[in-house]
């Protein structure tokens, strides 16, 4: 839903009064449907570690954070006005939270933690805000009803720092609306891109609204770079939370990775474009990925196959021979080679990662 208005601040919808802009409709939709609980998982999948902007030592450990954001209260739903006072323009926004609003989102967070790693971090600004002091009081009370879950309290500024320092220390993070809006975007980016993460907005029942976390991304419109992973993962969340189909959701996620995800490199090129660029620098080099029974790669002159259909061993061997490749090495995170091309013959070894696709195989040409 973040994409409904186009580019924030620049599309024609932002020439309208605030109450008629896309965000107003989105807030009304959330309030009308009672979607008070927003879940944004920030999970660094092994297949996406190369996209993580954090240090390699942190990315290698992986992380799996569930951001639980209160979605229908707080600053975004409080009274607001802009007026002239003593000749000066003054804007006022009200941050209001009721006991029950905090209690129900805290209950959701603890219930989720009980199915995960039994750790909740509640984020507030209790050293300054009255609303945060009430937040901390109510969350503490709810925590006593869940003795098997560890509860920590943290200030929002400290949490923002810790998310980029070591996100693996968090399990479930619960916070109010505006803090959750900011922190969940930060958490998503440490996985590599907000464009790859899903979200769910739930009410008191199993009804939910499921959507990618990203916006409209007009800068990549028409460039064939749109990433569908977040949409697929949002559908998986729907299976899990609305239809009690957790096993099917997990299988769907694994099936997505089996196709070999197409990421962006640091210059905004797709991995296909990047592979073609590297291959073009050496006409006897090809780069691609392997999955059981399928072989996909790109050669400098465009020869090769890609996609789920792949090509046969014989076709691949013939292309390697035409390219003059002497050997093949797997460069994916130290995993053992899945293909070995040597002096006109090809052998395929079992992937070290349990049969899942291994990407970034580079074929070294003869000297």
Protein backbone atom coordinates (compact mmCIF):
# COMPACT_ATOMS: atom_id res chain seq x y z
CA UNK A 1 0.00 0.00 0.00
CA UNK A 2 3.00 2.28 0.30
CA UNK A 3 3.01 2.56 -3.49
CA UNK A 4 -0.54 3.84 -3.98
CA UNK A 5 0.44 7.50 -4.21
CA UNK A 6 3.47 7.24 -6.46
CA UNK A 7 6.63 9.11 -5.53
CA UNK A 8 6.10 10.74 -2.15
CA UNK A 9 5.95 14.52 -2.39
CA UNK A 10 6.27 14.61 -6.17
CA UNK A 11 3.21 12.92 -7.72
CA UNK A 12 0.14 15.03 -8.54
CA UNK A 13 -1.70 13.57 -5.53
CA UNK A 14 0.50 15.63 -3.23
CA UNK A 15 -0.93 18.83 -4.66
CA UNK A 16 -4.18 18.00 -2.84
CA UNK A 17 -5.03 18.98 0.76
CA UNK A 18 -3.52 16.59 3.36
CA UNK A 19 -6.88 14.91 4.10
CA UNK A 20 -7.19 13.87 0.42
CA UNK A 21 -3.67 12.53 -0.07
CA UNK A 22 -2.88 8.79 -0.35
CA UNK A 23 -1.64 8.49 3.25
CA UNK A 24 -4.98 9.71 4.57
CA UNK A 25 -6.77 6.91 2.75
CA UNK A 26 -4.30 4.35 4.01
CA UNK A 27 -4.67 5.49 7.62
CA UNK A 28 -8.47 5.39 7.32
CA UNK A 29 -8.29 1.88 5.88
CA UNK A 30 -6.17 0.67 8.81
CA UNK A 31 -8.46 2.29 11.37
CA UNK A 32 -11.70 1.13 9.76
CA UNK A 33 -10.54 -2.49 9.53
CA UNK A 34 -9.05 -2.44 13.03
CA UNK A 35 -5.59 -3.37 11.76
CA UNK A 36 -3.77 -2.48 14.95
CA UNK A 37 -0.93 -5.02 14.70
CA UNK A 38 1.72 -4.58 12.01
CA UNK A 39 4.30 -7.35 11.60
CA UNK A 40 7.46 -6.74 9.62
CA UNK A 41 9.96 -9.59 9.66
CA UNK A 42 13.59 -8.62 9.01
CA UNK A 43 15.14 -11.98 8.22
CA UNK A 44 18.51 -12.25 6.52
CA UNK A 45 18.17 -15.36 4.39
CA UNK A 46 21.45 -17.16 3.60
CA UNK A 47 20.80 -16.64 -0.12
CA UNK A 48 20.72 -12.85 0.41
CA UNK A 49 23.73 -12.35 2.67
CA UNK A 50 25.74 -10.74 -0.11
CA UNK A 51 23.17 -7.92 -0.19
CA UNK A 52 23.56 -7.13 3.53
CA UNK A 53 25.33 -3.76 4.02
CA UNK A 54 26.69 -4.75 7.45
CA UNK A 55 30.13 -6.20 8.12
CA UNK A 56 30.67 -9.68 6.75
CA UNK A 57 31.26 -11.05 10.25
CA UNK A 58 27.75 -9.87 11.26
CA UNK A 59 26.06 -11.01 8.06
CA UNK A 60 27.56 -14.48 8.41
CA UNK A 61 25.80 -14.90 11.76
CA UNK A 62 22.46 -14.03 10.20
CA UNK A 63 19.50 -12.51 12.04
CA UNK A 64 15.76 -12.93 12.28
CA UNK A 65 13.93 -9.98 13.83
CA UNK A 66 10.15 -9.61 14.03
CA UNK A 67 9.16 -5.97 14.25
CA UNK A 68 5.73 -5.59 15.92
CA UNK A 69 4.35 -2.09 15.37
CA UNK A 70 1.19 -0.63 16.90
CA UNK A 71 -0.63 0.66 13.83
CA UNK A 72 -3.83 2.52 14.73
CA UNK A 73 -2.86 4.83 17.60
CA UNK A 74 -0.25 7.37 18.51
CA UNK A 75 0.91 10.43 16.62
CA UNK A 76 -0.46 9.40 13.23
CA UNK A 77 -4.03 9.26 14.58
CA UNK A 78 -3.97 12.10 17.08
CA UNK A 79 -5.60 15.49 16.66
CA UNK A 80 -3.61 17.89 14.50
CA UNK A 81 -3.90 21.46 13.37
CA UNK A 82 -1.95 24.31 11.83
CA UNK A 83 -2.92 27.83 12.94
CA UNK A 84 -1.71 31.37 13.31
CA UNK A 85 -0.80 32.29 16.89
CA UNK A 86 0.41 35.81 17.68
CA UNK A 87 1.21 36.34 14.01
CA UNK A 88 3.23 33.11 13.65
CA UNK A 89 2.27 29.84 11.99
CA UNK A 90 2.14 27.01 14.52
CA UNK A 91 1.62 23.28 13.84
CA UNK A 92 0.43 20.84 16.51
CA UNK A 93 0.25 17.03 16.44
CA UNK A 94 -1.07 15.01 19.41
CA UNK A 95 0.45 11.71 20.53
CA UNK A 96 -2.24 9.81 22.44
CA UNK A 97 -2.25 6.19 23.64
CA UNK A 98 -4.92 4.42 25.67
CA UNK A 99 -4.20 1.57 28.07
CA UNK A 100 -6.08 -1.00 25.93
CA UNK A 101 -4.18 -0.07 22.75
CA UNK A 102 -0.85 -0.77 24.40
CA UNK A 103 -2.07 -3.90 26.16
CA UNK A 104 -3.37 -5.63 23.02
CA UNK A 105 -0.25 -5.00 20.92
CA UNK A 106 1.98 -6.13 23.80
CA UNK A 107 -0.06 -9.33 24.11
CA UNK A 108 0.47 -10.03 20.40
CA UNK A 109 4.21 -9.48 20.74
CA UNK A 110 4.53 -11.92 23.64
CA UNK A 111 2.42 -14.54 21.87
CA UNK A 112 4.68 -14.32 18.83
CA UNK A 113 7.82 -14.50 20.98
CA UNK A 114 6.52 -17.69 22.62
CA UNK A 115 6.61 -19.33 19.18
CA UNK A 116 10.08 -17.99 18.42
CA UNK A 117 13.04 -17.39 20.75
CA UNK A 118 11.17 -16.15 23.87
CA UNK A 119 12.59 -12.63 23.92
CA UNK A 120 10.71 -9.33 23.62
CA UNK A 121 12.35 -5.91 23.41
CA UNK A 122 9.90 -3.06 24.06
CA UNK A 123 11.02 0.25 22.57
CA UNK A 124 9.91 3.65 23.86
CA UNK A 125 11.14 7.10 24.86
CA UNK A 126 10.21 6.82 28.53
CA UNK A 127 12.92 9.25 29.62
CA UNK A 128 10.99 12.08 27.92
CA UNK A 129 7.42 11.19 26.91
CA UNK A 130 4.44 10.49 29.16
CA UNK A 131 2.95 8.25 26.48
CA UNK A 132 6.14 6.16 26.60
CA UNK A 133 6.04 5.94 30.36
CA UNK A 134 2.52 4.52 30.13
CA UNK A 135 3.73 2.22 27.33
CA UNK A 136 6.51 0.82 29.49
CA UNK A 137 4.18 0.35 32.48
CA UNK A 138 1.56 -1.60 30.50
CA UNK A 139 4.09 -3.75 28.61
CA UNK A 140 5.70 -4.68 31.93
CA UNK A 141 2.31 -5.74 33.29
CA UNK A 142 1.61 -7.91 30.23
CA UNK A 143 5.07 -9.42 30.58
CA UNK A 144 4.18 -10.85 33.98
CA UNK A 145 1.52 -12.95 32.23
CA UNK A 146 4.22 -14.56 30.06
CA UNK A 147 6.93 -15.72 32.50
CA UNK A 148 8.65 -17.82 29.87
CA UNK A 149 9.50 -14.76 27.77
CA UNK A 150 12.39 -12.44 28.60
CA UNK A 151 11.40 -8.76 28.48
CA UNK A 152 13.83 -5.92 27.92
CA UNK A 153 13.05 -2.21 27.64
CA UNK A 154 15.08 0.03 25.33
CA UNK A 155 15.00 3.66 24.24
CA UNK A 156 14.28 4.26 20.58
CA UNK A 157 17.55 6.06 19.85
CA UNK A 158 19.59 3.26 21.39
CA UNK A 159 17.60 0.67 19.45
CA UNK A 160 18.26 2.47 16.18
CA UNK A 161 21.98 2.21 16.88
CA UNK A 162 21.86 -1.43 17.99
CA UNK A 163 19.96 -2.51 14.86
CA UNK A 164 22.91 -1.57 12.68
CA UNK A 165 25.50 -2.66 15.21
CA UNK A 166 24.20 -6.18 15.84
CA UNK A 167 20.63 -7.00 14.72
CA UNK A 168 21.09 -10.62 15.80
CA UNK A 169 20.59 -9.61 19.46
CA UNK A 170 16.87 -9.00 18.81
CA UNK A 171 14.03 -11.50 18.54
CA UNK A 172 10.68 -9.67 18.77
CA UNK A 173 10.71 -5.85 18.93
CA UNK A 174 7.44 -4.15 19.90
CA UNK A 175 6.92 -0.42 19.74
CA UNK A 176 4.45 2.40 19.09
CA UNK A 177 3.34 3.64 15.70
CA UNK A 178 5.88 6.28 14.68
CA UNK A 179 8.89 4.55 16.24
CA UNK A 180 7.82 1.33 14.52
CA UNK A 181 7.48 3.07 11.19
CA UNK A 182 11.09 4.26 11.35
CA UNK A 183 12.73 1.25 13.01
CA UNK A 184 11.04 -1.32 10.74
CA UNK A 185 12.39 0.47 7.66
CA UNK A 186 15.85 0.52 9.22
CA UNK A 187 15.59 -3.18 10.10
CA UNK A 188 14.56 -4.03 6.56
CA UNK A 189 17.50 -2.22 5.01
CA UNK A 190 20.07 -4.19 6.98
CA UNK A 191 18.77 -7.26 5.13
CA UNK A 192 19.85 -5.60 1.90
CA UNK A 193 16.73 -3.85 0.66
CA UNK A 194 13.28 -2.86 1.85
CA UNK A 195 12.11 -4.14 -1.53
CA UNK A 196 12.63 -7.73 -0.40
CA UNK A 197 10.60 -7.72 2.81
CA UNK A 198 6.98 -8.50 3.55
CA UNK A 199 4.49 -7.21 6.09
CA UNK A 200 1.16 -8.12 7.65
CA UNK A 201 -1.41 -5.85 9.32
CA UNK A 202 -3.79 -7.81 11.56
CA UNK A 203 -6.93 -7.12 13.56
CA UNK A 204 -8.33 -8.94 16.59
CA UNK A 205 -9.38 -11.92 14.43
CA UNK A 206 -7.43 -13.73 11.70
CA UNK A 207 -8.29 -11.05 9.18
CA UNK A 208 -5.26 -9.25 7.79
CA UNK A 209 -3.94 -7.03 5.04
CA UNK A 210 -0.71 -8.31 3.51
CA UNK A 211 1.63 -6.16 1.47
CA UNK A 212 5.28 -5.64 0.56
CA UNK A 213 7.05 -3.10 2.77
CA UNK A 214 8.34 -1.08 -0.16
CA UNK A 215 6.81 1.85 -2.03
CA UNK A 216 6.34 2.56 -5.72
CA UNK A 217 10.07 2.82 -6.68
CA UNK A 218 9.46 5.06 -9.72
CA UNK A 219 13.20 5.31 -10.33
CA UNK A 220 13.25 1.71 -11.64
CA UNK A 221 9.94 1.80 -13.54
CA UNK A 222 10.25 0.16 -16.95
CA UNK A 223 13.77 -1.16 -16.30
CA UNK A 224 12.82 -4.79 -15.61
CA UNK A 225 14.37 -4.57 -12.14
CA UNK A 226 11.26 -4.90 -9.95
CA UNK A 227 11.80 -7.56 -7.30
CA UNK A 228 8.78 -9.82 -6.58
CA UNK A 229 10.27 -11.46 -3.47
CA UNK A 230 8.46 -9.18 -1.00
CA UNK A 231 5.11 -9.91 -2.62
CA UNK A 232 5.72 -13.66 -2.50
CA UNK A 233 6.78 -13.48 1.15
CA UNK A 234 3.69 -11.40 1.98
CA UNK A 235 1.54 -14.18 0.52
CA UNK A 236 3.45 -16.63 2.72
CA UNK A 237 2.60 -14.51 5.78
CA UNK A 238 -1.06 -14.65 4.74
CA UNK A 239 -0.91 -18.44 4.69
CA UNK A 240 0.66 -18.45 8.15
CA UNK A 241 -1.46 -15.90 10.03
CA UNK A 242 -4.86 -15.96 8.31
CA UNK A 243 -5.11 -19.58 7.16
CA UNK A 244 -3.00 -21.47 9.71
CA UNK A 245 -0.88 -22.94 6.90
CA UNK A 246 2.58 -22.43 8.38
CA UNK A 247 4.07 -25.52 6.73
CA UNK A 248 2.82 -24.47 3.30
CA UNK A 249 4.19 -20.98 3.87
CA UNK A 250 7.65 -22.34 4.68
CA UNK A 251 7.62 -24.56 1.60
CA UNK A 252 6.60 -21.62 -0.57
CA UNK A 253 9.52 -19.56 0.70
CA UNK A 254 12.00 -22.37 0.03
CA UNK A 255 10.56 -22.78 -3.47
CA UNK A 256 11.20 -19.10 -4.15
CA UNK A 257 14.89 -19.45 -3.29
CA UNK A 258 15.17 -22.57 -5.46
CA UNK A 259 14.99 -20.36 -8.53
CA UNK A 260 18.15 -18.48 -7.60
CA UNK A 261 17.24 -14.92 -6.47
CA UNK A 262 18.17 -12.03 -8.76
CA UNK A 263 19.60 -9.22 -6.63
CA UNK A 264 21.05 -5.82 -7.42
CA UNK A 265 24.71 -5.01 -7.17
CA UNK A 266 26.02 -1.78 -5.67
CA UNK A 267 25.56 0.13 -8.93
CA UNK A 268 21.91 -0.73 -9.31
CA UNK A 269 22.39 -3.43 -11.94
CA UNK A 270 20.58 -6.73 -11.76
CA UNK A 271 22.79 -9.75 -11.23
CA UNK A 272 22.00 -10.78 -14.81
CA UNK A 273 23.30 -7.44 -16.04
CA UNK A 274 26.30 -7.68 -13.73
CA UNK A 275 27.11 -11.20 -14.95
CA UNK A 276 26.88 -10.08 -18.57
CA UNK A 277 29.17 -7.12 -17.85
CA UNK A 278 31.80 -9.30 -16.19
CA UNK A 279 31.57 -11.91 -18.92
CA UNK A 280 31.99 -9.25 -21.60
CA UNK A 281 35.31 -8.23 -20.03
CA UNK A 282 36.64 -11.70 -20.88
CA UNK A 283 35.04 -13.46 -23.85
CA UNK A 284 35.99 -16.85 -22.42
CA UNK A 285 34.34 -16.39 -19.05
CA UNK A 286 30.78 -17.32 -18.11
CA UNK A 287 28.94 -16.78 -14.83
CA UNK A 288 25.71 -18.38 -13.62
CA UNK A 289 24.16 -20.74 -11.12
CA UNK A 290 23.41 -24.43 -10.73
CA UNK A 291 20.45 -26.28 -9.34
CA UNK A 292 19.91 -30.05 -9.54
CA UNK A 293 19.21 -30.91 -13.16
CA UNK A 294 19.40 -27.36 -14.41
CA UNK A 295 22.37 -25.24 -15.42
CA UNK A 296 22.02 -21.53 -16.07
CA UNK A 297 24.71 -19.07 -17.12
CA UNK A 298 25.51 -16.12 -19.34
CA UNK A 299 28.39 -15.94 -21.82
CA UNK A 300 29.79 -12.72 -23.25
CA UNK A 301 28.24 -13.23 -26.68
CA UNK A 302 24.85 -14.13 -25.24
CA UNK A 303 25.15 -17.89 -25.62
CA UNK A 304 23.83 -19.91 -22.72
CA UNK A 305 20.62 -20.54 -20.85
CA UNK A 306 18.90 -19.13 -17.85
CA UNK A 307 15.63 -19.70 -16.02
CA UNK A 308 14.04 -22.78 -14.54
CA UNK A 309 14.25 -24.79 -17.77
CA UNK A 310 18.05 -24.58 -17.86
CA UNK A 311 20.00 -26.67 -20.34
CA UNK A 312 21.36 -30.19 -20.46
CA UNK A 313 24.80 -31.32 -19.34
CA UNK A 314 25.70 -31.99 -22.96
CA UNK A 315 24.68 -28.50 -24.06
CA UNK A 316 26.61 -26.92 -21.23
CA UNK A 317 29.73 -28.99 -21.93
CA UNK A 318 29.61 -28.01 -25.61
CA UNK A 319 29.36 -24.32 -24.74
CA UNK A 320 32.25 -24.57 -22.28
CA UNK A 321 34.31 -26.24 -24.93
CA UNK A 322 33.46 -23.51 -27.45
CA UNK A 323 34.42 -20.88 -24.87
CA UNK A 324 37.76 -22.54 -24.27
CA UNK A 325 37.22 -22.87 -20.53
CA UNK A 326 39.80 -25.00 -18.76
CA UNK A 327 38.29 -25.23 -15.25
CA UNK A 328 35.24 -24.27 -13.21
CA UNK A 329 35.27 -23.08 -9.62
CA UNK A 330 32.44 -22.25 -7.26
CA UNK A 331 32.92 -18.89 -5.55
CA UNK A 332 29.83 -18.93 -3.34
CA UNK A 333 30.87 -18.42 0.27
CA UNK A 334 33.40 -21.25 0.43
CA UNK A 335 30.93 -23.98 -0.50
CA UNK A 336 32.40 -26.96 -2.35
CA UNK A 337 32.31 -26.92 -6.16
CA UNK A 338 29.14 -28.12 -7.78
CA UNK A 339 30.60 -28.22 -11.28
CA UNK A 340 34.06 -29.16 -12.44
CA UNK A 341 35.00 -28.71 -16.06
CA UNK A 342 38.41 -30.10 -16.87
CA UNK A 343 40.02 -30.84 -20.23
CA UNK A 344 36.82 -31.43 -22.12
CA UNK A 345 34.88 -33.35 -19.48
CA UNK A 346 32.31 -32.27 -16.90
CA UNK A 347 31.51 -33.68 -13.47
CA UNK A 348 28.92 -32.44 -11.00
CA UNK A 349 29.45 -32.71 -7.26
CA UNK A 350 26.69 -32.54 -4.64
CA UNK A 351 26.23 -29.00 -3.30
CA UNK A 352 27.49 -28.54 0.23
CA UNK A 353 24.34 -26.69 1.20
CA UNK A 354 22.02 -29.67 1.04
CA UNK A 355 20.95 -29.52 -2.58
CA UNK A 356 19.87 -25.88 -2.63
CA UNK A 357 21.07 -23.74 -5.54
CA UNK A 358 24.60 -22.40 -5.35
CA UNK A 359 25.06 -19.12 -7.21
CA UNK A 360 28.00 -17.18 -8.63
CA UNK A 361 29.95 -19.95 -10.32
CA UNK A 362 32.72 -18.49 -12.46
CA UNK A 363 34.33 -20.44 -15.25
CA UNK A 364 38.01 -19.68 -15.65
CA UNK A 365 39.32 -19.65 -19.26
CA UNK A 366 42.52 -21.30 -20.37
CA UNK A 367 45.68 -19.22 -20.06
